[in-house]
C-alpha atoms as a PDB file:
ATOM      1  CA  MET A   1     -63.770  82.747  -6.614  1.00  0.00           C
ATOM      2  CA  SER A   2     -67.158  80.956  -7.590  1.00  0.00           C
ATOM      3  CA  SER A   3     -69.960  81.070  -5.383  1.00  0.00           C
ATOM      4  CA  ALA A   4     -70.027  77.378  -4.638  1.00  0.00           C
ATOM      5  CA  SER A   5     -66.286  77.735  -3.281  1.00  0.00           C
ATOM      6  CA  THR A   6     -67.038  80.808  -1.323  1.00  0.00           C
ATOM      7  CA  SER A   7     -70.079  79.039   0.173  1.00  0.00           C
ATOM      8  CA  SER A   8     -67.717  76.198   0.893  1.00  0.00           C
ATOM      9  CA  SER A   9     -65.030  78.333   2.264  1.00  0.00           C
ATOM     10  CA  ILE A  10     -67.791  80.237   4.642  1.00  0.00           C
ATOM     11  CA  LYS A  11     -68.762  76.925   5.901  1.00  0.00           C
ATOM     12  CA  ALA A  12     -65.355  75.651   6.807  1.00  0.00           C
ATOM     13  CA  ALA A  13     -64.836  79.228   8.593  1.00  0.00           C
ATOM     14  CA  PHE A  14     -67.823  78.682  10.874  1.00  0.00           C
ATOM     15  CA  SER A  15     -67.017  75.003  11.737  1.00  0.00           C
ATOM     16  CA  TYR A  16     -63.520  76.332  12.657  1.00  0.00           C
ATOM     17  CA  CYS A  17     -65.227  78.782  15.170  1.00  0.00           C
ATOM     18  CA  VAL A  18     -67.306  75.941  16.220  1.00  0.00           C
ATOM     19  CA  GLN A  19     -64.372  73.819  17.408  1.00  0.00           C
ATOM     20  CA  GLN A  20     -62.275  76.519  18.803  1.00  0.00           C
ATOM     21  CA  VAL A  21     -65.195  77.294  21.305  1.00  0.00           C
ATOM     22  CA  ARG A  22     -65.793  73.607  21.860  1.00  0.00           C
ATOM     23  CA  SER A  23     -62.040  73.275  22.486  1.00  0.00           C
ATOM     24  CA  TYR A  24     -61.147  76.342  24.774  1.00  0.00           C
ATOM     25  CA  ASP A  25     -64.477  77.548  25.945  1.00  0.00           C
ATOM     26  CA  TYR A  26     -66.595  74.171  26.462  1.00  0.00           C
ATOM     27  CA  HIS A  27     -69.031  75.469  29.002  1.00  0.00           C
ATOM     28  CA  HIS A  28     -70.090  78.534  26.807  1.00  0.00           C
ATOM     29  CA  TYR A  29     -69.944  76.140  23.817  1.00  0.00           C
ATOM     30  CA  LEU A  30     -72.693  74.075  25.420  1.00  0.00           C
ATOM     31  CA  CYS A  31     -74.768  77.363  26.368  1.00  0.00           C
ATOM     32  CA  LEU A  32     -74.648  78.505  22.494  1.00  0.00           C
ATOM     33  CA  LEU A  33     -76.107  75.082  21.539  1.00  0.00           C
ATOM     34  CA  GLU A  34     -79.128  76.236  23.452  1.00  0.00           C
ATOM     35  CA  LEU A  35     -79.593  79.096  20.975  1.00  0.00           C
ATOM     36  CA  PRO A  36     -81.995  79.187  18.262  1.00  0.00           C
ATOM     37  CA  PRO A  37     -80.301  77.980  14.775  1.00  0.00           C
ATOM     38  CA  SER A  38     -80.665  81.480  13.203  1.00  0.00           C
ATOM     39  CA  MET A  39     -78.605  82.979  16.170  1.00  0.00           C
ATOM     40  CA  ARG A  40     -75.806  80.301  16.289  1.00  0.00           C
ATOM     41  CA  LYS A  41     -73.657  81.329  13.571  1.00  0.00           C
ATOM     42  CA  ALA A  42     -73.137  85.023  14.764  1.00  0.00           C
ATOM     43  CA  ALA A  43     -72.806  83.642  18.685  1.00  0.00           C
ATOM     44  CA  PHE A  44     -70.196  80.915  17.410  1.00  0.00           C
ATOM     45  CA  ALA A  45     -68.117  83.655  15.474  1.00  0.00           C
ATOM     46  CA  LEU A  46     -68.256  86.193  18.267  1.00  0.00           C
ATOM     47  CA  ARG A  47     -67.121  83.506  20.749  1.00  0.00           C
ATOM     48  CA  ALA A  48     -64.365  82.450  18.424  1.00  0.00           C
ATOM     49  CA  LEU A  49     -63.112  85.968  18.432  1.00  0.00           C
ATOM     50  CA  ASN A  50     -62.917  86.378  22.179  1.00  0.00           C
ATOM     51  CA  VAL A  51     -61.111  83.007  22.278  1.00  0.00           C
ATOM     52  CA  GLU A  52     -58.533  84.325  19.886  1.00  0.00           C
ATOM     53  CA  THR A  53     -58.161  87.549  21.728  1.00  0.00           C
ATOM     54  CA  ALA A  54     -58.320  85.987  25.278  1.00  0.00           C
ATOM     55  CA  ARG A  55     -55.458  83.214  24.504  1.00  0.00           C
ATOM     56  CA  ALA A  56     -53.240  85.756  22.612  1.00  0.00           C
ATOM     57  CA  MET A  57     -50.939  86.470  25.410  1.00  0.00           C
ATOM     58  CA  ASP A  58     -51.094  82.916  27.080  1.00  0.00           C
ATOM     59  CA  VAL A  59     -50.071  81.274  23.629  1.00  0.00           C
ATOM     60  CA  ALA A  60     -47.159  83.790  22.837  1.00  0.00           C
ATOM     61  CA  SER A  61     -43.740  82.564  23.907  1.00  0.00           C
ATOM     62  CA  ASP A  62     -42.899  86.482  23.937  1.00  0.00           C
ATOM     63  CA  PRO A  63     -45.412  89.234  25.478  1.00  0.00           C
ATOM     64  CA  ARG A  64     -44.651  91.293  22.450  1.00  0.00           C
ATOM     65  CA  ILE A  65     -45.741  88.501  20.071  1.00  0.00           C
ATOM     66  CA  GLY A  66     -49.027  88.314  21.639  1.00  0.00           C
ATOM     67  CA  LEU A  67     -49.605  92.075  21.725  1.00  0.00           C
ATOM     68  CA  MET A  68     -48.811  92.096  18.049  1.00  0.00           C
ATOM     69  CA  ARG A  69     -51.547  89.431  17.640  1.00  0.00           C
ATOM     70  CA  LEU A  70     -54.067  91.588  19.456  1.00  0.00           C
ATOM     71  CA  VAL A  71     -53.038  94.625  17.512  1.00  0.00           C
ATOM     72  CA  TRP A  72     -53.533  92.511  14.140  1.00  0.00           C
ATOM     73  CA  TRP A  73     -57.201  91.624  15.282  1.00  0.00           C
ATOM     74  CA  GLN A  74     -57.985  95.311  15.806  1.00  0.00           C
ATOM     75  CA  GLU A  75     -56.644  95.914  12.297  1.00  0.00           C
ATOM     76  CA  ALA A  76     -58.441  92.833  11.090  1.00  0.00           C
ATOM     77  CA  ILE A  77     -61.931  94.382  12.225  1.00  0.00           C
ATOM     78  CA  ASP A  78     -61.090  97.620  10.339  1.00  0.00           C
ATOM     79  CA  LYS A  79     -60.382  95.553   7.159  1.00  0.00           C
ATOM     80  CA  ILE A  80     -63.421  93.567   7.614  1.00  0.00           C
ATOM     81  CA  TYR A  81     -65.702  96.660   7.574  1.00  0.00           C
ATOM     82  CA  ALA A  82     -63.865  97.792   4.599  1.00  0.00           C
ATOM     83  CA  ASN A  83     -64.805  94.699   2.691  1.00  0.00           C
ATOM     84  CA  LYS A  84     -61.227  93.305   2.600  1.00  0.00           C
ATOM     85  CA  LEU A  85     -60.704  89.677   2.365  1.00  0.00           C
ATOM     86  CA  ILE A  86     -58.611  88.064   5.360  1.00  0.00           C
ATOM     87  CA  GLU A  87     -57.440  84.756   5.211  1.00  0.00           C
ATOM     88  CA  HIS A  88     -58.353  83.975   8.725  1.00  0.00           C
ATOM     89  CA  PRO A  89     -61.381  81.382   9.463  1.00  0.00           C
ATOM     90  CA  THR A  90     -62.668  83.437  12.381  1.00  0.00           C
ATOM     91  CA  ALA A  91     -62.078  86.828  10.421  1.00  0.00           C
ATOM     92  CA  GLN A  92     -64.106  85.197   7.537  1.00  0.00           C
ATOM     93  CA  ALA A  93     -66.906  84.123   9.774  1.00  0.00           C
ATOM     94  CA  LEU A  94     -67.009  87.461  11.324  1.00  0.00           C
ATOM     95  CA  SER A  95     -67.219  88.947   7.968  1.00  0.00           C
ATOM     96  CA  SER A  96     -69.984  87.005   6.936  1.00  0.00           C
ATOM     97  CA  VAL A  97     -72.034  87.581  10.123  1.00  0.00           C
ATOM     98  CA  ILE A  98     -71.332  91.466   9.795  1.00  0.00           C
ATOM     99  CA  ALA A  99     -72.807  91.605   6.279  1.00  0.00           C
ATOM    100  CA  GLU A 100     -75.833  89.979   7.381  1.00  0.00           C
ATOM    101  CA  SER A 101     -76.404  91.354  10.703  1.00  0.00           C
ATOM    102  CA  LYS A 102     -74.719  94.565  10.692  1.00  0.00           C
ATOM    103  CA  LEU A 103     -72.953  94.406  14.200  1.00  0.00           C
ATOM    104  CA  SER A 104     -71.740  97.428  15.740  1.00  0.00           C
ATOM    105  CA  LYS A 105     -68.056  98.131  14.610  1.00  0.00           C
ATOM    106  CA  ALA A 106     -67.653 100.028  17.753  1.00  0.00           C
ATOM    107  CA  TRP A 107     -68.463  97.166  20.086  1.00  0.00           C
ATOM    108  CA  LEU A 108     -66.301  94.899  18.134  1.00  0.00           C
ATOM    109  CA  LYS A 109     -63.498  97.302  18.473  1.00  0.00           C
ATOM    110  CA  ARG A 110     -64.203  97.808  22.138  1.00  0.00           C
ATOM    111  CA  LEU A 111     -63.717  93.918  22.744  1.00  0.00           C
ATOM    112  CA  VAL A 112     -60.494  93.845  21.248  1.00  0.00           C
ATOM    113  CA  GLU A 113     -59.095  97.372  22.377  1.00  0.00           C
ATOM    114  CA  ALA A 114     -59.901  96.206  26.243  1.00  0.00           C
ATOM    115  CA  ARG A 115     -57.379  93.036  25.581  1.00  0.00           C
ATOM    116  CA  ILE A 116     -54.762  95.283  24.322  1.00  0.00           C
ATOM    117  CA  LYS A 117     -54.984  97.760  27.290  1.00  0.00           C
ATOM    118  CA  ASP A 118     -54.944  94.799  29.586  1.00  0.00           C
ATOM    119  CA  ALA A 119     -51.956  93.170  27.782  1.00  0.00           C
ATOM    120  CA  ARG A 120     -50.089  96.642  28.040  1.00  0.00           C
ATOM    121  CA  ARG A 121     -50.101  96.926  31.728  1.00  0.00           C
ATOM    122  CA  GLU A 122     -47.202  95.912  33.608  1.00  0.00           C
ATOM    123  CA  ALA A 123     -47.100  92.895  35.581  1.00  0.00           C
ATOM    124  CA  THR A 124     -46.920  94.852  38.804  1.00  0.00           C
ATOM    125  CA  GLU A 125     -49.730  97.075  38.068  1.00  0.00           C
ATOM    126  CA  MET A 126     -52.846  96.070  40.007  1.00  0.00           C
ATOM    127  CA  PRO A 127     -56.324  97.292  38.769  1.00  0.00           C
ATOM    128  CA  GLU A 128     -59.136  98.000  41.439  1.00  0.00           C
ATOM    129  CA  MET A 129     -62.378  96.169  41.332  1.00  0.00           C
ATOM    130  CA  GLU A 130     -63.980  98.838  39.470  1.00  0.00           C
ATOM    131  CA  GLU A 131     -61.406  98.442  36.687  1.00  0.00           C
ATOM    132  CA  MET A 132     -61.816  94.601  36.644  1.00  0.00           C
ATOM    133  CA  GLU A 133     -65.733  95.200  36.194  1.00  0.00           C
ATOM    134  CA  LYS A 134     -65.066  97.719  33.259  1.00  0.00           C
ATOM    135  CA  TYR A 135     -62.693  95.177  31.813  1.00  0.00           C
ATOM    136  CA  SER A 136     -65.459  92.472  32.064  1.00  0.00           C
ATOM    137  CA  GLU A 137     -67.872  94.774  30.721  1.00  0.00           C
ATOM    138  CA  ASP A 138     -65.929  95.729  27.666  1.00  0.00           C
ATOM    139  CA  THR A 139     -64.975  92.061  26.788  1.00  0.00           C
ATOM    140  CA  ILE A 140     -67.640  89.727  27.996  1.00  0.00           C
ATOM    141  CA  SER A 141     -70.953  92.014  28.252  1.00  0.00           C
ATOM    142  CA  THR A 142     -69.891  93.319  24.754  1.00  0.00           C
ATOM    143  CA  MET A 143     -70.199  89.985  23.356  1.00  0.00           C
ATOM    144  CA  LEU A 144     -73.518  89.547  24.779  1.00  0.00           C
ATOM    145  CA  TYR A 145     -74.709  93.033  23.613  1.00  0.00           C
ATOM    146  CA  LEU A 146     -73.399  91.970  20.088  1.00  0.00           C
ATOM    147  CA  THR A 147     -75.465  88.602  20.036  1.00  0.00           C
ATOM    148  CA  LEU A 148     -78.704  90.198  20.987  1.00  0.00           C
ATOM    149  CA  GLN A 149     -77.980  92.625  18.023  1.00  0.00           C
ATOM    150  CA  ALA A 150     -77.024  89.748  15.738  1.00  0.00           C
ATOM    151  CA  GLY A 151     -80.719  88.356  16.826  1.00  0.00           C
ATOM    152  CA  GLY A 152     -82.302  91.507  16.156  1.00  0.00           C
ATOM    153  CA  ILE A 153     -83.372  91.838  19.754  1.00  0.00           C
ATOM    154  CA  ARG A 154     -83.778  95.565  20.994  1.00  0.00           C
ATOM    155  CA  SER A 155     -84.294  95.544  24.909  1.00  0.00           C
ATOM    156  CA  THR A 156     -82.943  97.837  27.508  1.00  0.00           C
ATOM    157  CA  ALA A 157     -83.711  95.289  30.251  1.00  0.00           C
ATOM    158  CA  ALA A 158     -81.926  92.457  27.988  1.00  0.00           C
ATOM    159  CA  ASP A 159     -78.977  94.818  27.649  1.00  0.00           C
ATOM    160  CA  HIS A 160     -78.709  95.703  31.461  1.00  0.00           C
ATOM    161  CA  ALA A 161     -79.142  92.039  32.173  1.00  0.00           C
ATOM    162  CA  ALA A 162     -76.242  91.060  29.586  1.00  0.00           C
ATOM    163  CA  SER A 163     -74.168  93.729  31.463  1.00  0.00           C
ATOM    164  CA  HIS A 164     -74.395  92.241  34.888  1.00  0.00           C
ATOM    165  CA  ILE A 165     -73.929  88.650  33.535  1.00  0.00           C
ATOM    166  CA  GLY A 166     -70.754  89.647  31.338  1.00  0.00           C
ATOM    167  CA  LYS A 167     -69.085  91.422  34.705  1.00  0.00           C
ATOM    168  CA  ALA A 168     -69.899  88.414  36.777  1.00  0.00           C
ATOM    169  CA  SER A 169     -68.589  85.910  34.211  1.00  0.00           C
ATOM    170  CA  GLY A 170     -65.476  88.156  33.455  1.00  0.00           C
ATOM    171  CA  ILE A 171     -64.526  88.105  37.383  1.00  0.00           C
ATOM    172  CA  LEU A 172     -65.052  84.856  37.796  1.00  0.00           C
ATOM    173  CA  LEU A 173     -63.038  83.748  35.090  1.00  0.00           C
ATOM    174  CA  LEU A 174     -60.234  85.873  36.397  1.00  0.00           C
ATOM    175  CA  LEU A 175     -60.757  83.877  39.464  1.00  0.00           C
ATOM    176  CA  LYS A 176     -60.570  80.531  37.835  1.00  0.00           C
ATOM    177  CA  SER A 177     -57.490  81.698  36.071  1.00  0.00           C
ATOM    178  CA  LEU A 178     -55.864  82.898  39.137  1.00  0.00           C
ATOM    179  CA  PRO A 179     -53.416  80.104  39.783  1.00  0.00           C
ATOM    180  CA  TYR A 180     -52.203  80.223  36.149  1.00  0.00           C
ATOM    181  CA  HIS A 181     -51.521  83.948  36.426  1.00  0.00           C
ATOM    182  CA  ILE A 182     -49.662  83.330  39.808  1.00  0.00           C
ATOM    183  CA  ASN A 183     -47.536  80.415  38.399  1.00  0.00           C
ATOM    184  CA  CYS A 184     -46.763  82.936  35.388  1.00  0.00           C
ATOM    185  CA  ASN A 185     -45.695  85.455  37.783  1.00  0.00           C
ATOM    186  CA  ARG A 186     -48.684  87.683  36.568  1.00  0.00           C
ATOM    187  CA  HIS A 187     -50.339  87.425  39.943  1.00  0.00           C
ATOM    188  CA  PHE A 188     -50.303  91.183  40.489  1.00  0.00           C
ATOM    189  CA  SER A 189     -52.684  91.749  37.555  1.00  0.00           C
ATOM    190  CA  TYR A 190     -56.033  90.469  38.912  1.00  0.00           C
ATOM    191  CA  ILE A 191     -55.941  90.877  42.714  1.00  0.00           C
ATOM    192  CA  PRO A 192     -57.156  94.272  43.460  1.00  0.00           C
ATOM    193  CA  ALA A 193     -54.829  96.450  45.488  1.00  0.00           C
ATOM    194  CA  LYS A 194     -57.417  97.396  48.165  1.00  0.00           C
ATOM    195  CA  LEU A 195     -58.550  94.220  48.741  1.00  0.00           C
ATOM    196  CA  ALA A 196     -54.951  92.678  48.949  1.00  0.00           C
ATOM    197  CA  SER A 197     -54.122  95.407  51.414  1.00  0.00           C
ATOM    198  CA  LYS A 198     -57.036  94.794  53.334  1.00  0.00           C
ATOM    199  CA  HIS A 199     -56.586  91.159  53.942  1.00  0.00           C
ATOM    200  CA  GLY A 200     -52.890  91.362  54.519  1.00  0.00           C
ATOM    201  CA  LEU A 201     -51.582  90.092  51.309  1.00  0.00           C
ATOM    202  CA  LEU A 202     -49.950  93.395  50.128  1.00  0.00           C
ATOM    203  CA  VAL A 203     -46.659  94.233  51.787  1.00  0.00           C
ATOM    204  CA  LYS A 204     -43.991  96.867  51.309  1.00  0.00           C
ATOM    205  CA  GLU A 205     -40.644  95.553  49.652  1.00  0.00           C
ATOM    206  CA  GLY A 206     -38.378  99.007  49.968  1.00  0.00           C
ATOM    207  CA  ARG A 207     -40.286 101.497  47.720  1.00  0.00           C
ATOM    208  CA  ARG A 208     -42.575  98.751  46.086  1.00  0.00           C
ATOM    209  CA  GLU A 209     -45.737  97.194  47.326  1.00  0.00           C
ATOM    210  CA  GLU A 210     -45.768  93.542  46.744  1.00  0.00           C
ATOM    211  CA  ILE A 211     -48.261  90.570  47.054  1.00  0.00           C
ATOM    212  CA  ARG A 212     -47.137  87.672  49.264  1.00  0.00           C
ATOM    213  CA  LEU A 213     -49.190  84.570  49.083  1.00  0.00           C
ATOM    214  CA  ASP A 214     -47.996  83.274  52.443  1.00  0.00           C
ATOM    215  CA  SER A 215     -51.460  83.088  53.834  1.00  0.00           C
ATOM    216  CA  ARG A 216     -53.985  80.974  52.021  1.00  0.00           C
ATOM    217  CA  GLU A 217     -56.872  82.092  54.290  1.00  0.00           C
ATOM    218  CA  ALA A 218     -56.045  85.694  53.378  1.00  0.00           C
ATOM    219  CA  LEU A 219     -56.237  84.878  49.904  1.00  0.00           C
ATOM    220  CA  CYS A 220     -59.468  82.974  50.399  1.00  0.00           C
ATOM    221  CA  ASP A 221     -60.663  86.002  52.022  1.00  0.00           C
ATOM    222  CA  THR A 222     -59.796  88.091  48.980  1.00  0.00           C
ATOM    223  CA  VAL A 223     -61.183  85.714  46.412  1.00  0.00           C
ATOM    224  CA  PHE A 224     -64.659  85.701  48.471  1.00  0.00           C
ATOM    225  CA  GLU A 225     -64.937  89.597  48.393  1.00  0.00           C
ATOM    226  CA  MET A 226     -64.241  89.428  44.775  1.00  0.00           C
ATOM    227  CA  ALA A 227     -66.812  86.467  44.070  1.00  0.00           C
ATOM    228  CA  SER A 228     -69.238  88.426  46.204  1.00  0.00           C
ATOM    229  CA  VAL A 229     -69.174  91.344  43.641  1.00  0.00           C
ATOM    230  CA  ALA A 230     -69.951  88.621  40.764  1.00  0.00           C
ATOM    231  CA  ASN A 231     -72.615  87.264  42.756  1.00  0.00           C
ATOM    232  CA  SER A 232     -74.128  90.832  43.131  1.00  0.00           C
ATOM    233  CA  HIS A 233     -74.147  91.202  39.669  1.00  0.00           C
ATOM    234  CA  LEU A 234     -75.826  88.003  38.851  1.00  0.00           C
ATOM    235  CA  GLU A 235     -78.785  88.659  41.369  1.00  0.00           C
ATOM    236  CA  LYS A 236     -79.006  92.133  39.458  1.00  0.00           C
ATOM    237  CA  ALA A 237     -79.442  90.231  36.412  1.00  0.00           C
ATOM    238  CA  ARG A 238     -82.089  87.956  37.577  1.00  0.00           C
ATOM    239  CA  LYS A 239     -84.123  90.754  39.067  1.00  0.00           C
ATOM    240  CA  LEU A 240     -84.650  91.920  35.633  1.00  0.00           C
ATOM    241  CA  ALA A 241     -85.866  88.692  34.422  1.00  0.00           C
ATOM    242  CA  GLU A 242     -89.355  89.778  34.119  1.00  0.00           C
ATOM    243  CA  PHE A 243     -88.622  92.790  31.973  1.00  0.00           C
ATOM    244  CA  VAL A 244     -86.462  90.457  29.666  1.00  0.00           C
ATOM    245  CA  PRO A 245     -88.187  89.365  26.297  1.00  0.00           C
ATOM    246  CA  SER A 246     -88.349  85.437  25.953  1.00  0.00           C
ATOM    247  CA  GLU A 247     -86.083  85.876  22.651  1.00  0.00           C
ATOM    248  CA  ALA A 248     -83.343  87.232  24.573  1.00  0.00           C
ATOM    249  CA  VAL A 249     -83.209  84.662  27.366  1.00  0.00           C
ATOM    250  CA  PRO A 250     -81.031  81.868  25.675  1.00  0.00           C
ATOM    251  CA  VAL A 251     -78.400  84.754  24.908  1.00  0.00           C
ATOM    252  CA  LEU A 252     -78.436  85.305  28.915  1.00  0.00           C
ATOM    253  CA  LEU A 253     -77.600  81.603  29.743  1.00  0.00           C
ATOM    254  CA  PRO A 254     -74.001  82.300  30.543  1.00  0.00           C
ATOM    255  CA  ALA A 255     -75.435  83.229  33.845  1.00  0.00           C
ATOM    256  CA  VAL A 256     -75.784  79.383  34.449  1.00  0.00           C
ATOM    257  CA  PRO A 257     -71.925  78.766  34.176  1.00  0.00           C
ATOM    258  CA  ALA A 258     -71.370  81.607  36.447  1.00  0.00           C
ATOM    259  CA  GLN A 259     -73.566  80.408  39.083  1.00  0.00           C
ATOM    260  CA  ILE A 260     -71.863  77.003  39.044  1.00  0.00           C
ATOM    261  CA  MET A 261     -68.534  78.531  39.148  1.00  0.00           C
ATOM    262  CA  LEU A 262     -69.749  80.355  42.386  1.00  0.00           C
ATOM    263  CA  ASP A 263     -71.143  77.419  43.797  1.00  0.00           C
ATOM    264  CA  SER A 264     -68.064  75.455  43.121  1.00  0.00           C
ATOM    265  CA  LEU A 265     -66.139  78.314  44.848  1.00  0.00           C
ATOM    266  CA  ASN A 266     -68.027  78.022  47.645  1.00  0.00           C
ATOM    267  CA  ARG A 267     -67.856  74.545  47.865  1.00  0.00           C
ATOM    268  CA  VAL A 268     -64.118  74.782  48.645  1.00  0.00           C
ATOM    269  CA  GLN A 269     -64.286  77.613  50.687  1.00  0.00           C
ATOM    270  CA  PHE A 270     -62.990  80.205  47.933  1.00  0.00           C
ATOM    271  CA  ASP A 271     -59.572  78.432  47.806  1.00  0.00           C
ATOM    272  CA  VAL A 272     -58.783  78.697  44.060  1.00  0.00           C
ATOM    273  CA  PHE A 273     -55.835  76.316  44.358  1.00  0.00           C
ATOM    274  CA  ASP A 274     -58.302  73.434  45.158  1.00  0.00           C
ATOM    275  CA  PRO A 275     -57.878  70.681  42.688  1.00  0.00           C
ATOM    276  CA  ARG A 276     -61.782  69.917  42.521  1.00  0.00           C
ATOM    277  CA  LEU A 277     -62.043  73.335  40.761  1.00  0.00           C
ATOM    278  CA  ALA A 278     -60.115  71.776  37.775  1.00  0.00           C
ATOM    279  CA  GLN A 279     -62.467  68.877  37.659  1.00  0.00           C
ATOM    280  CA  GLY A 280     -65.288  68.069  35.198  1.00  0.00           C
ATOM    281  CA  VAL A 281     -66.971  71.367  34.034  1.00  0.00           C
ATOM    282  CA  LEU A 282     -66.329  74.243  36.363  1.00  0.00           C
ATOM    283  CA  GLY A 283     -65.796  71.574  39.212  1.00  0.00           C
ATOM    284  CA  ILE A 284     -68.927  69.628  38.585  1.00  0.00           C
ATOM    285  CA  PRO A 285     -69.476  66.491  36.434  1.00  0.00           C
ATOM    286  CA  PRO A 286     -69.998  67.236  32.875  1.00  0.00           C
ATOM    287  CA  LEU A 287     -73.314  65.346  32.895  1.00  0.00           C
ATOM    288  CA  TRP A 288     -74.676  67.360  35.947  1.00  0.00           C
ATOM    289  CA  TYR A 289     -73.667  70.513  34.191  1.00  0.00           C
ATOM    290  CA  GLN A 290     -75.378  69.614  30.974  1.00  0.00           C
ATOM    291  CA  LEU A 291     -78.599  69.002  33.021  1.00  0.00           C
ATOM    292  CA  LYS A 292     -78.338  72.057  35.056  1.00  0.00           C
ATOM    293  CA  LEU A 293     -78.028  74.107  32.248  1.00  0.00           C
ATOM    294  CA  LYS A 294     -80.863  72.171  29.686  1.00  0.00           C
ATOM    295  CA  TRP A 295     -83.262  72.358  32.951  1.00  0.00           C
ATOM    296  CA  THR A 296     -82.519  76.214  33.257  1.00  0.00           C
ATOM    297  CA  SER A 297     -82.954  76.568  29.479  1.00  0.00           C
ATOM    298  CA  TRP A 298     -86.192  74.576  29.369  1.00  0.00           C
ATOM    299  CA  ARG A 299     -87.566  76.706  31.986  1.00  0.00           C
ATOM    300  CA  ARG A 300     -86.678  79.791  30.067  1.00  0.00           C
ATOM    301  CA  LYS A 301     -84.718  81.121  32.922  1.00  0.00           C
ATOM    302  CA  TYR A 302     -80.999  82.335  33.067  1.00  0.00           C
END
């Protein structure tokens, strides 16, 4: 393949990544536009990988097919690091970024392996809050670590802030998708057993314990406690702001949509079924979302 056709192929691969993120992760798409141009390629390739793996189970007609897609991505990362060509635009974009930035293979594998572990859980298996935090760390926080690495940013404070922002974002994303998973009969997956029991959502059916959603108030109380954990992580991330180097701040802008999601949940008294949460971007008008993001970025905050 000629260098011209190779360049054209890579350009098309990155365009595909941008479109995937814009279509399926719009609020983070706007965050990535605030990054310096030198960091955007890596950020979009990483977010596109997250889109591919996050949607694998949801778009599959059979859970086994979704799991096969995730395993394919696990193997694709090995092939990329072995300099093997993969006919997939996101994989091609990742290959280009890895060649330029020497991204950590262990972190990329951890992101996909966390998705695989989650996909293999039984629908009736309820993780505790600590497990949900770890899942968020292994997926969302890891993506932020990789973006910092791609930008050549080495900062313990930035890494710690990224850890907390990733955990907050992951928990809130699980809350946002709760109605979908409940409708798909996967509602056990993302409601911690201890919280469900504490608020009377967990009842015994013979030898099994099941979640009953008869009480909207009890579900709202449970969501409030989960959201409070996310809020705590955001507060910890912001306490580190004075130690975070300025070049790392744009990478940490996902704290903005996380805060907006928290504010939207608070506005509807933590009722995840309130239709207002599905309006606009994370429950607020798109223009207002963009203004909040731009204002925070301009002030060099997160």
